[in-house]
Structures are given as structure tokens and as C-alpha cells.
Amino acid sequence: MPDKSLEEMRQHMKKSLHVYEEELRHLRTGRANPAMVEEVMVDYYGTRTPLKHLATITAPEPNLLVIRPYDKSQIPAIEKAILEANLGFNPSSDGEVVRIAVPKLSEERRKELVKVVHQKAEEARIAIRNIRRHMKEELERQKKEGELSEDDFHRSLKEMDNITHEFTEKIDELMKEKEQQVLEV
């Protein structure tokens, strides 16, 4: 029973880690990245649709995004959606593709982004600790009801701590990587 619970805990922590990775992907680092605009919602024939479903988004240069829509008639809607998303981008098109010049980040903005990276890391750590706390409460309940022996309880607690430490280290590694990307000029 504890092994099944520990595996369930590990799966929840993997999901939390994945959410953190996704949040980091969407943060600007001064280098063009398709993830910066792929979730922009475009009014596609009356339906709000993510840009990634309407076009191919590439970053051929470090400071340029190129959006190649599958339906060329949607270029004005794509430009409008990018402007309305308030990302600080000014899209331009030539009738075939939409180009976005990604401006360089100022030193002040880089420092603000590092703070955001640290804040997101702390939120991810809190999520991991909450998962651990819920699991510990479940194990304590099982021990109280006699479903779990004292030895199994302590062994499970030790394993829980190891798993929690493993995921916390992964969060810290991702945070340091993103911090370096943001501060890179």
C-alpha cells in the first residue's frame, strides 16, 4: 500500500514540476522563442483559438519570430491578437508571414524577470511540499487505522523525504538555468 501511495505522490510531483517548466518556457529571456506567442488567443472565425493551432511559429534569428499562418486570410486577426495580448511586440506582415522583432531586454527588466523566476520556483516548491504534507496525512491515517505498521510508516516517511528532496533539487536546477538565460546579454 505505501509503495502505491509513494508512486502516486511521485506522479503528482512530476505534474507540478511540468507546470513549473511550462511557466518558465513562457518567460521572455531576451532571445526569441516561439513559446512567447504560441498561447496568444486569436479570433478565428468567431472562436478564440491559440496561435499555435493556426500557424507555424519559428525563431530563425535570436531576435526575430516568424509566424507562418496556415490560412493567409487570418494574418490581420493574428496581428491584432498579438497587439491585444500586450506582450510589448509590434508585429508586421508582408501578406505571407507575420514577423515580430523581439527587442533586447534592459538590465532593469532582466532583474525583474529573475525575481519572477525565483517567485515561480518558490510556488513550485510550495506545491511539492503540499503534496508531501497530504501524503504524510494519508500515511498517518493508515497507521492510526492499523493498515500500516510502525516500521512501514517510518520507511515511507524517509522515502517521501527523499522524493521531495529530489524534486526540490530539480526545481532549483531549472531556476538556475532560467536565471542564467535571463541574465545572458
Protein backbone atom coordinates (compact mmCIF):
# COMPACT_ATOMS: atom_id res chain seq x y z
CA MET A 1 0.00 0.00 0.00
CA PRO A 2 2.69 2.61 0.86
CA ASP A 3 4.56 1.89 -2.41
CA LYS A 4 1.42 2.65 -4.40
CA SER A 5 0.92 5.87 -2.43
CA LEU A 6 4.55 6.88 -2.92
CA GLU A 7 4.25 6.33 -6.67
CA GLU A 8 1.08 8.41 -6.70
CA MET A 9 2.94 11.16 -4.80
CA ARG A 10 5.79 10.99 -7.34
CA GLN A 11 3.28 11.38 -10.21
CA HIS A 12 1.71 14.46 -8.58
CA MET A 13 5.15 15.98 -8.08
CA LYS A 14 6.04 15.30 -11.73
CA LYS A 15 2.91 17.20 -12.76
CA SER A 16 3.87 20.14 -10.51
CA LEU A 17 7.37 20.13 -11.99
CA HIS A 18 5.90 20.08 -15.51
CA VAL A 19 3.70 23.09 -14.70
CA TYR A 20 6.78 24.96 -13.45
CA GLU A 21 8.71 24.08 -16.63
CA GLU A 22 5.82 25.40 -18.74
CA GLU A 23 5.72 28.65 -16.77
CA LEU A 24 9.45 29.11 -17.33
CA ARG A 25 9.11 28.43 -21.05
CA HIS A 26 6.72 31.34 -21.39
CA LEU A 27 9.05 33.83 -19.69
CA ARG A 28 10.99 36.10 -22.02
CA THR A 29 14.74 35.78 -21.91
CA GLY A 30 15.71 38.38 -24.48
CA ARG A 31 16.04 35.66 -27.09
CA ALA A 32 13.17 34.96 -29.47
CA ASN A 33 11.28 31.80 -28.55
CA PRO A 34 8.06 30.52 -30.20
CA ALA A 35 6.62 29.81 -26.72
CA MET A 36 6.41 33.59 -26.21
CA VAL A 37 3.40 33.86 -28.53
CA GLU A 38 2.06 30.34 -29.08
CA GLU A 39 -0.66 30.74 -26.43
CA VAL A 40 -1.91 34.10 -27.78
CA MET A 41 -5.62 33.71 -28.42
CA VAL A 42 -6.71 34.65 -31.95
CA ASP A 43 -10.32 35.29 -33.01
CA TYR A 44 -10.55 32.58 -35.69
CA TYR A 45 -13.96 32.84 -37.38
CA GLY A 46 -15.59 33.75 -34.06
CA THR A 47 -13.74 31.16 -31.98
CA ARG A 48 -10.86 32.02 -29.62
CA THR A 49 -8.02 29.74 -30.77
CA PRO A 50 -4.37 29.54 -29.62
CA LEU A 51 -1.96 30.87 -32.24
CA LYS A 52 -0.01 27.59 -32.23
CA HIS A 53 -3.09 25.90 -33.77
CA LEU A 54 -3.31 28.43 -36.60
CA ALA A 55 0.30 28.84 -37.69
CA THR A 56 3.85 27.60 -37.66
CA ILE A 57 5.96 29.72 -35.32
CA THR A 58 9.75 29.78 -35.74
CA ALA A 59 12.69 31.78 -34.41
CA PRO A 60 15.17 31.91 -37.31
CA GLU A 61 17.28 34.55 -35.52
CA PRO A 62 17.85 35.31 -31.82
CA ASN A 63 15.73 38.48 -32.06
CA LEU A 64 13.10 37.50 -34.65
CA LEU A 65 9.92 35.43 -34.59
CA VAL A 66 8.28 34.38 -37.86
CA ILE A 67 4.64 33.27 -37.85
CA ARG A 68 3.50 31.44 -40.99
CA PRO A 69 -0.31 31.04 -40.84
CA TYR A 70 -1.96 28.03 -42.47
CA ASP A 71 -4.72 30.37 -43.66
CA LYS A 72 -3.21 33.62 -45.02
CA SER A 73 -6.54 35.44 -44.63
CA GLN A 74 -6.00 35.28 -40.84
CA ILE A 75 -2.90 37.50 -40.85
CA PRO A 76 -4.81 40.66 -39.74
CA ALA A 77 -6.51 38.69 -36.92
CA ILE A 78 -3.13 37.31 -35.80
CA GLU A 79 -1.54 40.77 -35.78
CA LYS A 80 -4.48 42.17 -33.83
CA ALA A 81 -4.33 39.34 -31.27
CA ILE A 82 -0.58 39.86 -30.71
CA LEU A 83 -1.11 43.59 -30.15
CA GLU A 84 -4.04 42.94 -27.78
CA ALA A 85 -2.01 40.39 -25.82
CA ASN A 86 0.09 43.33 -24.63
CA LEU A 87 3.41 41.49 -24.89
CA GLY A 88 5.31 44.57 -25.99
CA PHE A 89 5.66 43.30 -29.57
CA ASN A 90 4.87 45.17 -32.77
CA PRO A 91 4.05 42.59 -35.48
CA SER A 92 4.45 43.36 -39.18
CA SER A 93 3.41 41.30 -42.18
CA ASP A 94 4.12 41.05 -45.88
CA GLY A 95 0.94 39.16 -46.78
CA GLU A 96 2.66 35.78 -46.39
CA VAL A 97 4.11 35.78 -42.87
CA VAL A 98 3.99 37.86 -39.68
CA ARG A 99 7.34 38.98 -38.34
CA ILE A 100 7.99 40.09 -34.78
CA ALA A 101 11.24 41.81 -33.86
CA VAL A 102 11.97 40.86 -30.24
CA PRO A 103 13.60 43.84 -28.52
CA LYS A 104 16.59 43.38 -26.23
CA LEU A 105 15.82 43.37 -22.52
CA SER A 106 17.08 46.21 -20.35
CA GLU A 107 19.17 45.40 -17.28
CA GLU A 108 16.30 46.50 -15.04
CA ARG A 109 13.83 44.23 -16.85
CA ARG A 110 16.27 41.31 -16.59
CA LYS A 111 16.43 41.77 -12.81
CA GLU A 112 12.62 41.88 -12.63
CA LEU A 113 12.44 38.64 -14.63
CA VAL A 114 14.94 36.96 -12.28
CA LYS A 115 12.63 37.88 -9.39
CA VAL A 116 9.70 36.33 -11.28
CA VAL A 117 11.75 33.16 -11.89
CA HIS A 118 12.52 32.93 -8.16
CA GLN A 119 8.87 33.54 -7.27
CA LYS A 120 7.70 30.78 -9.65
CA ALA A 121 10.33 28.44 -8.16
CA GLU A 122 9.06 29.11 -4.66
CA GLU A 123 5.47 28.44 -5.79
CA ALA A 124 6.61 25.12 -7.28
CA ARG A 125 8.45 24.20 -4.04
CA ILE A 126 5.30 25.01 -2.05
CA ALA A 127 3.25 22.76 -4.35
CA ILE A 128 5.78 19.93 -3.81
CA ARG A 129 5.67 20.40 -0.02
CA ASN A 130 1.85 20.42 -0.07
CA ILE A 131 1.84 17.12 -1.94
CA ARG A 132 4.23 15.70 0.67
CA ARG A 133 2.04 17.00 3.53
CA HIS A 134 -1.10 15.40 2.05
CA MET A 135 0.75 12.12 1.62
CA LYS A 136 2.03 12.23 5.20
CA GLU A 137 -1.51 12.83 6.48
CA GLU A 138 -2.70 9.82 4.49
CA LEU A 139 0.08 7.62 5.90
CA GLU A 140 -0.72 8.80 9.45
CA ARG A 141 -4.37 7.90 8.87
CA GLN A 142 -3.37 4.44 7.62
CA LYS A 143 -1.11 3.91 10.65
CA LYS A 144 -3.85 5.03 13.05
CA GLU A 145 -6.35 2.62 11.48
CA GLY A 146 -3.87 -0.24 11.64
CA GLU A 147 -3.43 -0.56 7.87
CA LEU A 148 0.25 0.36 8.17
CA SER A 149 2.89 -0.87 10.63
CA GLU A 150 5.19 1.49 12.54
CA ASP A 151 8.22 0.31 10.51
CA ASP A 152 6.45 0.77 7.18
CA PHE A 153 5.30 4.21 8.30
CA HIS A 154 8.85 5.37 9.11
CA ARG A 155 10.29 3.77 5.96
CA SER A 156 7.64 5.55 3.88
CA LEU A 157 8.37 8.88 5.58
CA LYS A 158 12.06 8.52 4.77
CA GLU A 159 11.27 7.66 1.14
CA MET A 160 8.84 10.62 0.95
CA ASP A 161 11.60 12.94 2.15
CA ASN A 162 13.98 11.55 -0.49
CA ILE A 163 11.43 12.04 -3.27
CA THR A 164 10.60 15.57 -2.06
CA HIS A 165 14.31 16.44 -1.95
CA GLU A 166 14.79 15.05 -5.48
CA PHE A 167 12.02 17.23 -6.94
CA THR A 168 13.10 20.31 -4.99
CA GLU A 169 16.61 19.92 -6.44
CA LYS A 170 15.14 19.68 -9.97
CA ILE A 171 13.22 22.91 -9.38
CA ASP A 172 16.40 24.62 -8.18
CA GLU A 173 18.33 23.41 -11.24
CA LEU A 174 15.64 24.72 -13.61
CA MET A 175 15.57 28.02 -11.73
CA LYS A 176 19.35 28.48 -12.06
CA GLU A 177 19.27 27.60 -15.79
CA LYS A 178 16.50 30.11 -16.48
CA GLU A 179 18.23 32.76 -14.37
CA GLN A 180 21.38 32.36 -16.48
CA GLN A 181 19.33 32.64 -19.69
CA VAL A 182 17.64 35.81 -18.48
CA LEU A 183 20.88 37.46 -17.38
CA GLU A 184 22.74 36.48 -20.58
CA VAL A 185 23.22 39.55 -22.74
